Amino acid sequence: MDSNIVRALVAEFGLDLLKFNDDIRLGTLVPPANCSKSTATDTENIKAFYAEASRTEVGRSALEANAKLMSDRIQEQIFKDLLIQL
């Protein structure tokens, strides 16, 4: 796969991830259109958990560490999938 395409895919994914994290942080995350009731409930639970955790320094540190770990794992998976396609 062309390296420019790979960079574009990773950049787009990174922007989506940043938007997702911002929506959680700001409390503006909404469930995807036409999602199941369990997905909508999960979305609301995530918002509530994040809001509660972000009220303390320890909670903010834990959320930051978790976000970094999630980001690292997602990037690893993207590159793994891209390498398989090559």
PDB file of N, CA and C in Angstrom:
ATOM      1  N   MET A   1       0.845  -1.171   0.000  1.00  0.00           N
ATOM      2  CA  MET A   1       0.000   0.000   0.000  1.00  0.00           C
ATOM      3  C   MET A   1       0.893   1.237   0.000  1.00  0.00           C
ATOM      4  N   ASP A   2       0.509   2.234  -0.723  1.00  0.00           N
ATOM      5  CA  ASP A   2       1.252   3.491  -0.821  1.00  0.00           C
ATOM      6  C   ASP A   2       1.395   4.127   0.559  1.00  0.00           C
ATOM      7  N   SER A   3       2.601   4.582   0.890  1.00  0.00           N
ATOM      8  CA  SER A   3       2.835   5.165   2.215  1.00  0.00           C
ATOM      9  C   SER A   3       2.007   6.424   2.442  1.00  0.00           C
ATOM     10  N   ASN A   4       1.697   7.173   1.384  1.00  0.00           N
ATOM     11  CA  ASN A   4       0.834   8.356   1.541  1.00  0.00           C
ATOM     12  C   ASN A   4      -0.577   7.961   1.955  1.00  0.00           C
ATOM     13  N   ILE A   5      -1.057   6.849   1.414  1.00  0.00           N
ATOM     14  CA  ILE A   5      -2.378   6.356   1.796  1.00  0.00           C
ATOM     15  C   ILE A   5      -2.362   5.912   3.250  1.00  0.00           C
ATOM     16  N   VAL A   6      -1.313   5.209   3.643  1.00  0.00           N
ATOM     17  CA  VAL A   6      -1.184   4.757   5.025  1.00  0.00           C
ATOM     18  C   VAL A   6      -1.188   5.958   5.968  1.00  0.00           C
ATOM     19  N   ARG A   7      -0.396   6.971   5.658  1.00  0.00           N
ATOM     20  CA  ARG A   7      -0.354   8.176   6.506  1.00  0.00           C
ATOM     21  C   ARG A   7      -1.725   8.845   6.582  1.00  0.00           C
ATOM     22  N   ALA A   8      -2.420   8.909   5.476  1.00  0.00           N
ATOM     23  CA  ALA A   8      -3.745   9.537   5.456  1.00  0.00           C
ATOM     24  C   ALA A   8      -4.736   8.750   6.311  1.00  0.00           C
ATOM     25  N   LEU A   9      -4.695   7.427   6.214  1.00  0.00           N
ATOM     26  CA  LEU A   9      -5.584   6.596   7.024  1.00  0.00           C
ATOM     27  C   LEU A   9      -5.305   6.772   8.512  1.00  0.00           C
ATOM     28  N   VAL A  10      -4.036   6.744   8.877  1.00  0.00           N
ATOM     29  CA  VAL A  10      -3.654   6.903  10.282  1.00  0.00           C
ATOM     30  C   VAL A  10      -4.039   8.290  10.777  1.00  0.00           C
ATOM     31  N   ALA A  11      -3.819   9.317   9.963  1.00  0.00           N
ATOM     32  CA  ALA A  11      -4.174  10.682  10.365  1.00  0.00           C
ATOM     33  C   ALA A  11      -5.679  10.816  10.562  1.00  0.00           C
ATOM     34  N   GLU A  12      -6.452  10.272   9.633  1.00  0.00           N
ATOM     35  CA  GLU A  12      -7.907  10.345   9.754  1.00  0.00           C
ATOM     36  C   GLU A  12      -8.376   9.603  10.996  1.00  0.00           C
ATOM     37  N   PHE A  13      -7.810   8.429  11.225  1.00  0.00           N
ATOM     38  CA  PHE A  13      -8.178   7.657  12.407  1.00  0.00           C
ATOM     39  C   PHE A  13      -7.814   8.429  13.670  1.00  0.00           C
ATOM     40  N   GLY A  14      -6.639   9.044  13.684  1.00  0.00           N
ATOM     41  CA  GLY A  14      -6.206   9.816  14.847  1.00  0.00           C
ATOM     42  C   GLY A  14      -7.140  10.979  15.130  1.00  0.00           C
ATOM     43  N   LEU A  15      -7.609  11.641  14.085  1.00  0.00           N
ATOM     44  CA  LEU A  15      -8.556  12.746  14.273  1.00  0.00           C
ATOM     45  C   LEU A  15      -9.877  12.232  14.825  1.00  0.00           C
ATOM     46  N   ASP A  16     -10.331  11.086  14.335  1.00  0.00           N
ATOM     47  CA  ASP A  16     -11.562  10.496  14.862  1.00  0.00           C
ATOM     48  C   ASP A  16     -11.403  10.137  16.331  1.00  0.00           C
ATOM     49  N   LEU A  17     -10.248   9.591  16.683  1.00  0.00           N
ATOM     50  CA  LEU A  17      -9.994   9.232  18.078  1.00  0.00           C
ATOM     51  C   LEU A  17      -9.949  10.475  18.962  1.00  0.00           C
ATOM     52  N   LEU A  18      -9.308  11.542  18.478  1.00  0.00           N
ATOM     53  CA  LEU A  18      -9.278  12.786  19.237  1.00  0.00           C
ATOM     54  C   LEU A  18     -10.683  13.350  19.433  1.00  0.00           C
ATOM     55  N   LYS A  19     -11.496  13.314  18.384  1.00  0.00           N
ATOM     56  CA  LYS A  19     -12.871  13.811  18.494  1.00  0.00           C
ATOM     57  C   LYS A  19     -13.653  12.987  19.506  1.00  0.00           C
ATOM     58  N   PHE A  20     -13.494  11.665  19.449  1.00  0.00           N
ATOM     59  CA  PHE A  20     -14.166  10.780  20.395  1.00  0.00           C
ATOM     60  C   PHE A  20     -13.769  11.139  21.829  1.00  0.00           C
ATOM     61  N   ASN A  21     -12.465  11.292  22.073  1.00  0.00           N
ATOM     62  CA  ASN A  21     -11.998  11.632  23.416  1.00  0.00           C
ATOM     63  C   ASN A  21     -12.486  13.007  23.856  1.00  0.00           C
ATOM     64  N   ASP A  22     -12.502  13.973  22.940  1.00  0.00           N
ATOM     65  CA  ASP A  22     -13.023  15.299  23.272  1.00  0.00           C
ATOM     66  C   ASP A  22     -14.508  15.244  23.603  1.00  0.00           C
ATOM     67  N   ASP A  23     -15.260  14.480  22.821  1.00  0.00           N
ATOM     68  CA  ASP A  23     -16.695  14.351  23.093  1.00  0.00           C
ATOM     69  C   ASP A  23     -16.941  13.734  24.463  1.00  0.00           C
ATOM     70  N   ILE A  24     -16.142  12.742  24.834  1.00  0.00           N
ATOM     71  CA  ILE A  24     -16.274  12.149  26.170  1.00  0.00           C
ATOM     72  C   ILE A  24     -15.928  13.191  27.226  1.00  0.00           C
ATOM     73  N   ARG A  25     -14.804  13.846  27.033  1.00  0.00           N
ATOM     74  CA  ARG A  25     -14.321  14.824  28.024  1.00  0.00           C
ATOM     75  C   ARG A  25     -15.314  15.958  28.220  1.00  0.00           C
ATOM     76  N   LEU A  26     -15.911  16.421  27.136  1.00  0.00           N
ATOM     77  CA  LEU A  26     -16.849  17.537  27.214  1.00  0.00           C
ATOM     78  C   LEU A  26     -18.271  17.099  27.569  1.00  0.00           C
ATOM     79  N   GLY A  27     -18.500  15.791  27.603  1.00  0.00           N
ATOM     80  CA  GLY A  27     -19.836  15.285  27.906  1.00  0.00           C
ATOM     81  C   GLY A  27     -20.798  15.422  26.747  1.00  0.00           C
ATOM     82  N   THR A  28     -20.276  15.545  25.530  1.00  0.00           N
ATOM     83  CA  THR A  28     -21.127  15.715  24.348  1.00  0.00           C
ATOM     84  C   THR A  28     -21.208  14.457  23.481  1.00  0.00           C
ATOM     85  N   LEU A  29     -20.637  13.360  23.951  1.00  0.00           N
ATOM     86  CA  LEU A  29     -20.679  12.108  23.197  1.00  0.00           C
ATOM     87  C   LEU A  29     -22.123  11.632  23.072  1.00  0.00           C
ATOM     88  N   VAL A  30     -22.535  11.305  21.875  1.00  0.00           N
ATOM     89  CA  VAL A  30     -23.879  10.766  21.641  1.00  0.00           C
ATOM     90  C   VAL A  30     -23.745   9.402  20.991  1.00  0.00           C
ATOM     91  N   PRO A  31     -24.687   8.526  21.274  1.00  0.00           N
ATOM     92  CA  PRO A  31     -24.629   7.194  20.652  1.00  0.00           C
ATOM     93  C   PRO A  31     -24.739   7.303  19.130  1.00  0.00           C
ATOM     94  N   PRO A  32     -24.124   6.377  18.403  1.00  0.00           N
ATOM     95  CA  PRO A  32     -24.241   6.381  16.943  1.00  0.00           C
ATOM     96  C   PRO A  32     -25.708   6.239  16.518  1.00  0.00           C
ATOM     97  N   ALA A  33     -26.032   6.798  15.378  1.00  0.00           N
ATOM     98  CA  ALA A  33     -27.399   6.686  14.856  1.00  0.00           C
ATOM     99  C   ALA A  33     -27.759   5.219  14.646  1.00  0.00           C
ATOM    100  N   ASN A  34     -28.972   4.884  14.946  1.00  0.00           N
ATOM    101  CA  ASN A  34     -29.500   3.529  14.742  1.00  0.00           C
ATOM    102  C   ASN A  34     -28.726   2.455  15.500  1.00  0.00           C
ATOM    103  N   CYS A  35     -28.139   2.806  16.631  1.00  0.00           N
ATOM    104  CA  CYS A  35     -27.400   1.805  17.404  1.00  0.00           C
ATOM    105  C   CYS A  35     -28.366   1.030  18.299  1.00  0.00           C
ATOM    106  N   SER A  36     -27.890  -0.066  18.815  1.00  0.00           N
ATOM    107  CA  SER A  36     -28.716  -0.886  19.699  1.00  0.00           C
ATOM    108  C   SER A  36     -28.891  -0.188  21.039  1.00  0.00           C
ATOM    109  N   LYS A  37     -29.869  -0.647  21.784  1.00  0.00           N
ATOM    110  CA  LYS A  37     -30.124  -0.066  23.109  1.00  0.00           C
ATOM    111  C   LYS A  37     -28.923  -0.285  24.025  1.00  0.00           C
ATOM    112  N   SER A  38     -28.260  -1.430  23.911  1.00  0.00           N
ATOM    113  CA  SER A  38     -27.101  -1.697  24.764  1.00  0.00           C
ATOM    114  C   SER A  38     -25.936  -0.767  24.433  1.00  0.00           C
ATOM    115  N   THR A  39     -25.759  -0.441  23.147  1.00  0.00           N
ATOM    116  CA  THR A  39     -24.707   0.505  22.751  1.00  0.00           C
ATOM    117  C   THR A  39     -25.019   1.891  23.289  1.00  0.00           C
ATOM    118  N   ALA A  40     -26.282   2.294  23.228  1.00  0.00           N
ATOM    119  CA  ALA A  40     -26.675   3.594  23.765  1.00  0.00           C
ATOM    120  C   ALA A  40     -26.452   3.641  25.275  1.00  0.00           C
ATOM    121  N   THR A  41     -26.777   2.559  25.951  1.00  0.00           N
ATOM    122  CA  THR A  41     -26.557   2.478  27.396  1.00  0.00           C
ATOM    123  C   THR A  41     -25.070   2.520  27.713  1.00  0.00           C
ATOM    124  N   ASP A  42     -24.276   1.783  26.942  1.00  0.00           N
ATOM    125  CA  ASP A  42     -22.823   1.800  27.140  1.00  0.00           C
ATOM    126  C   ASP A  42     -22.262   3.204  26.962  1.00  0.00           C
ATOM    127  N   THR A  43     -22.761   3.924  25.957  1.00  0.00           N
ATOM    128  CA  THR A  43     -22.299   5.290  25.707  1.00  0.00           C
ATOM    129  C   THR A  43     -22.591   6.182  26.908  1.00  0.00           C
ATOM    130  N   GLU A  44     -23.785   6.069  27.441  1.00  0.00           N
ATOM    131  CA  GLU A  44     -24.151   6.875  28.616  1.00  0.00           C
ATOM    132  C   GLU A  44     -23.317   6.479  29.837  1.00  0.00           C
ATOM    133  N   ASN A  45     -23.042   5.187  29.992  1.00  0.00           N
ATOM    134  CA  ASN A  45     -22.212   4.725  31.110  1.00  0.00           C
ATOM    135  C   ASN A  45     -20.786   5.255  30.994  1.00  0.00           C
ATOM    136  N   ILE A  46     -20.254   5.272  29.772  1.00  0.00           N
ATOM    137  CA  ILE A  46     -18.910   5.803  29.548  1.00  0.00           C
ATOM    138  C   ILE A  46     -18.856   7.279  29.922  1.00  0.00           C
ATOM    139  N   LYS A  47     -19.856   8.031  29.479  1.00  0.00           N
ATOM    140  CA  LYS A  47     -19.898   9.461  29.807  1.00  0.00           C
ATOM    141  C   LYS A  47     -19.953   9.675  31.320  1.00  0.00           C
ATOM    142  N   ALA A  48     -20.797   8.904  32.006  1.00  0.00           N
ATOM    143  CA  ALA A  48     -20.935   9.049  33.451  1.00  0.00           C
ATOM    144  C   ALA A  48     -19.641   8.670  34.170  1.00  0.00           C
ATOM    145  N   PHE A  49     -19.024   7.576  33.743  1.00  0.00           N
ATOM    146  CA  PHE A  49     -17.767   7.143  34.358  1.00  0.00           C
ATOM    147  C   PHE A  49     -16.686   8.199  34.170  1.00  0.00           C
ATOM    148  N   TYR A  50     -16.569   8.697  32.956  1.00  0.00           N
ATOM    149  CA  TYR A  50     -15.537   9.693  32.650  1.00  0.00           C
ATOM    150  C   TYR A  50     -15.767  10.964  33.470  1.00  0.00           C
ATOM    151  N   ALA A  51     -17.013  11.398  33.553  1.00  0.00           N
ATOM    152  CA  ALA A  51     -17.334  12.603  34.319  1.00  0.00           C
ATOM    153  C   ALA A  51     -16.955  12.433  35.787  1.00  0.00           C
ATOM    154  N   GLU A  52     -17.262  11.275  36.338  1.00  0.00           N
ATOM    155  CA  GLU A  52     -16.946  11.024  37.750  1.00  0.00           C
ATOM    156  C   GLU A  52     -15.432  10.940  37.967  1.00  0.00           C
ATOM    157  N   ALA A  53     -14.749  10.205  37.103  1.00  0.00           N
ATOM    158  CA  ALA A  53     -13.301  10.023  37.255  1.00  0.00           C
ATOM    159  C   ALA A  53     -12.539  11.326  37.053  1.00  0.00           C
ATOM    160  N   SER A  54     -13.035  12.171  36.160  1.00  0.00           N
ATOM    161  CA  SER A  54     -12.288  13.396  35.846  1.00  0.00           C
ATOM    162  C   SER A  54     -12.390  14.457  36.935  1.00  0.00           C
ATOM    163  N   ARG A  55     -13.131  14.183  37.991  1.00  0.00           N
ATOM    164  CA  ARG A  55     -13.266  15.144  39.096  1.00  0.00           C
ATOM    165  C   ARG A  55     -12.084  15.119  40.058  1.00  0.00           C
ATOM    166  N   THR A  56     -11.266  14.065  39.971  1.00  0.00           N
ATOM    167  CA  THR A  56     -10.119  13.960  40.875  1.00  0.00           C
ATOM    168  C   THR A  56      -8.824  13.846  40.076  1.00  0.00           C
ATOM    169  N   GLU A  57      -7.735  14.219  40.712  1.00  0.00           N
ATOM    170  CA  GLU A  57      -6.419  14.128  40.065  1.00  0.00           C
ATOM    171  C   GLU A  57      -6.068  12.670  39.756  1.00  0.00           C
ATOM    172  N   VAL A  58      -6.348  11.789  40.702  1.00  0.00           N
ATOM    173  CA  VAL A  58      -6.063  10.366  40.488  1.00  0.00           C
ATOM    174  C   VAL A  58      -6.895   9.826  39.326  1.00  0.00           C
ATOM    175  N   GLY A  59      -8.151  10.199  39.270  1.00  0.00           N
ATOM    176  CA  GLY A  59      -9.019   9.756  38.188  1.00  0.00           C
ATOM    177  C   GLY A  59      -8.549  10.270  36.835  1.00  0.00           C
ATOM    178  N   ARG A  60      -8.149  11.544  36.792  1.00  0.00           N
ATOM    179  CA  ARG A  60      -7.649  12.114  35.534  1.00  0.00           C
ATOM    180  C   ARG A  60      -6.373  11.407  35.087  1.00  0.00           C
ATOM    181  N   SER A  61      -5.497  11.091  36.025  1.00  0.00           N
ATOM    182  CA  SER A  61      -4.261  10.375  35.682  1.00  0.00           C
ATOM    183  C   SER A  61      -4.564   8.981  35.142  1.00  0.00           C
ATOM    184  N   ALA A  62      -5.516   8.300  35.766  1.00  0.00           N
ATOM    185  CA  ALA A  62      -5.885   6.955  35.311  1.00  0.00           C
ATOM    186  C   ALA A  62      -6.510   7.013  33.918  1.00  0.00           C
ATOM    187  N   LEU A  63      -7.376   7.992  33.689  1.00  0.00           N
ATOM    188  CA  LEU A  63      -7.991   8.136  32.371  1.00  0.00           C
ATOM    189  C   LEU A  63      -6.952   8.461  31.302  1.00  0.00           C
ATOM    190  N   GLU A  64      -5.990   9.293  31.651  1.00  0.00           N
ATOM    191  CA  GLU A  64      -4.930   9.639  30.706  1.00  0.00           C
ATOM    192  C   GLU A  64      -4.095   8.410  30.348  1.00  0.00           C
ATOM    193  N   ALA A  65      -3.725   7.629  31.361  1.00  0.00           N
ATOM    194  CA  ALA A  65      -2.937   6.425  31.111  1.00  0.00           C
ATOM    195  C   ALA A  65      -3.726   5.430  30.268  1.00  0.00           C
ATOM    196  N   ASN A  66      -5.012   5.290  30.553  1.00  0.00           N
ATOM    197  CA  ASN A  66      -5.845   4.375  29.792  1.00  0.00           C
ATOM    198  C   ASN A  66      -5.989   4.835  28.338  1.00  0.00           C
ATOM    199  N   ALA A  67      -6.165   6.132  28.126  1.00  0.00           N
ATOM    200  CA  ALA A  67      -6.288   6.662  26.765  1.00  0.00           C
ATOM    201  C   ALA A  67      -5.011   6.416  25.971  1.00  0.00           C
ATOM    202  N   LYS A  68      -3.863   6.588  26.609  1.00  0.00           N
ATOM    203  CA  LYS A  68      -2.592   6.346  25.925  1.00  0.00           C
ATOM    204  C   LYS A  68      -2.456   4.868  25.568  1.00  0.00           C
ATOM    205  N   LEU A  69      -2.789   4.009  26.494  1.00  0.00           N
ATOM    206  CA  LEU A  69      -2.716   2.572  26.234  1.00  0.00           C
ATOM    207  C   LEU A  69      -3.651   2.183  25.088  1.00  0.00           C
ATOM    208  N   MET A  70      -4.877   2.703  25.115  1.00  0.00           N
ATOM    209  CA  MET A  70      -5.836   2.420  24.046  1.00  0.00           C
ATOM    210  C   MET A  70      -5.303   2.907  22.705  1.00  0.00           C
ATOM    211  N   SER A  71      -4.777   4.103  22.679  1.00  0.00           N
ATOM    212  CA  SER A  71      -4.239   4.669  21.451  1.00  0.00           C
ATOM    213  C   SER A  71      -3.085   3.818  20.917  1.00  0.00           C
ATOM    214  N   ASP A  72      -2.190   3.418  21.800  1.00  0.00           N
ATOM    215  CA  ASP A  72      -1.059   2.575  21.387  1.00  0.00           C
ATOM    216  C   ASP A  72      -1.534   1.252  20.806  1.00  0.00           C
ATOM    217  N   ARG A  73      -2.497   0.631  21.458  1.00  0.00           N
ATOM    218  CA  ARG A  73      -2.999  -0.663  20.969  1.00  0.00           C
ATOM    219  C   ARG A  73      -3.700  -0.525  19.621  1.00  0.00           C
ATOM    220  N   ILE A  74      -4.463   0.542  19.464  1.00  0.00           N
ATOM    221  CA  ILE A  74      -5.153   0.761  18.194  1.00  0.00           C
ATOM    222  C   ILE A  74      -4.141   0.984  17.081  1.00  0.00           C
ATOM    223  N   GLN A  75      -3.121   1.788  17.349  1.00  0.00           N
ATOM    224  CA  GLN A  75      -2.098   2.027  16.331  1.00  0.00           C
ATOM    225  C   GLN A  75      -1.370   0.738  15.973  1.00  0.00           C
ATOM    226  N   GLU A  76      -1.074  -0.084  16.965  1.00  0.00           N
ATOM    227  CA  GLU A  76      -0.425  -1.367  16.686  1.00  0.00           C
ATOM    228  C   GLU A  76      -1.293  -2.220  15.774  1.00  0.00           C
ATOM    229  N   GLN A  77      -2.598  -2.235  16.047  1.00  0.00           N
ATOM    230  CA  GLN A  77      -3.511  -3.039  15.230  1.00  0.00           C
ATOM    231  C   GLN A  77      -3.593  -2.503  13.809  1.00  0.00           C
ATOM    232  N   ILE A  78      -3.643  -1.191  13.668  1.00  0.00           N
ATOM    233  CA  ILE A  78      -3.697  -0.590  12.327  1.00  0.00           C
ATOM    234  C   ILE A  78      -2.468  -1.000  11.525  1.00  0.00           C
ATOM    235  N   PHE A  79      -1.290  -0.846  12.123  1.00  0.00           N
ATOM    236  CA  PHE A  79      -0.073  -1.183  11.391  1.00  0.00           C
ATOM    237  C   PHE A  79       0.035  -2.675  11.127  1.00  0.00           C
ATOM    238  N   LYS A  80      -0.447  -3.491  12.043  1.00  0.00           N
ATOM    239  CA  LYS A  80      -0.454  -4.933  11.833  1.00  0.00           C
ATOM    240  C   LYS A  80      -1.340  -5.275  10.636  1.00  0.00           C
ATOM    241  N   ASP A  81      -2.550  -4.675  10.600  1.00  0.00           N
ATOM    242  CA  ASP A  81      -3.474  -4.919   9.497  1.00  0.00           C
ATOM    243  C   ASP A  81      -2.892  -4.425   8.169  1.00  0.00           C
ATOM    244  N   LEU A  82      -2.242  -3.275   8.195  1.00  0.00           N
ATOM    245  CA  LEU A  82      -1.656  -2.727   6.974  1.00  0.00           C
ATOM    246  C   LEU A  82      -0.513  -3.593   6.480  1.00  0.00           C
ATOM    247  N   LEU A  83       0.300  -4.120   7.394  1.00  0.00           N
ATOM    248  CA  LEU A  83       1.409  -4.989   6.995  1.00  0.00           C
ATOM    249  C   LEU A  83       0.896  -6.270   6.369  1.00  0.00           C
ATOM    250  N   ILE A  84      -0.211  -6.770   6.880  1.00  0.00           N
ATOM    251  CA  ILE A  84      -0.801  -7.993   6.314  1.00  0.00           C
ATOM    252  C   ILE A  84      -1.247  -7.743   4.871  1.00  0.00           C
ATOM    253  N   GLN A  85      -1.768  -6.530   4.611  1.00  0.00           N
ATOM    254  CA  GLN A  85      -2.232  -6.199   3.268  1.00  0.00           C
ATOM    255  C   GLN A  85      -1.085  -6.021   2.276  1.00  0.00           C
ATOM    256  N   LEU A  86       0.081  -5.682   2.785  1.00  0.00           N
ATOM    257  CA  LEU A  86       1.227  -5.479   1.890  1.00  0.00           C
ATOM    258  C   LEU A  86       1.726  -6.794   1.443  1.00  0.00           C
TER     259      LEU A  86
END
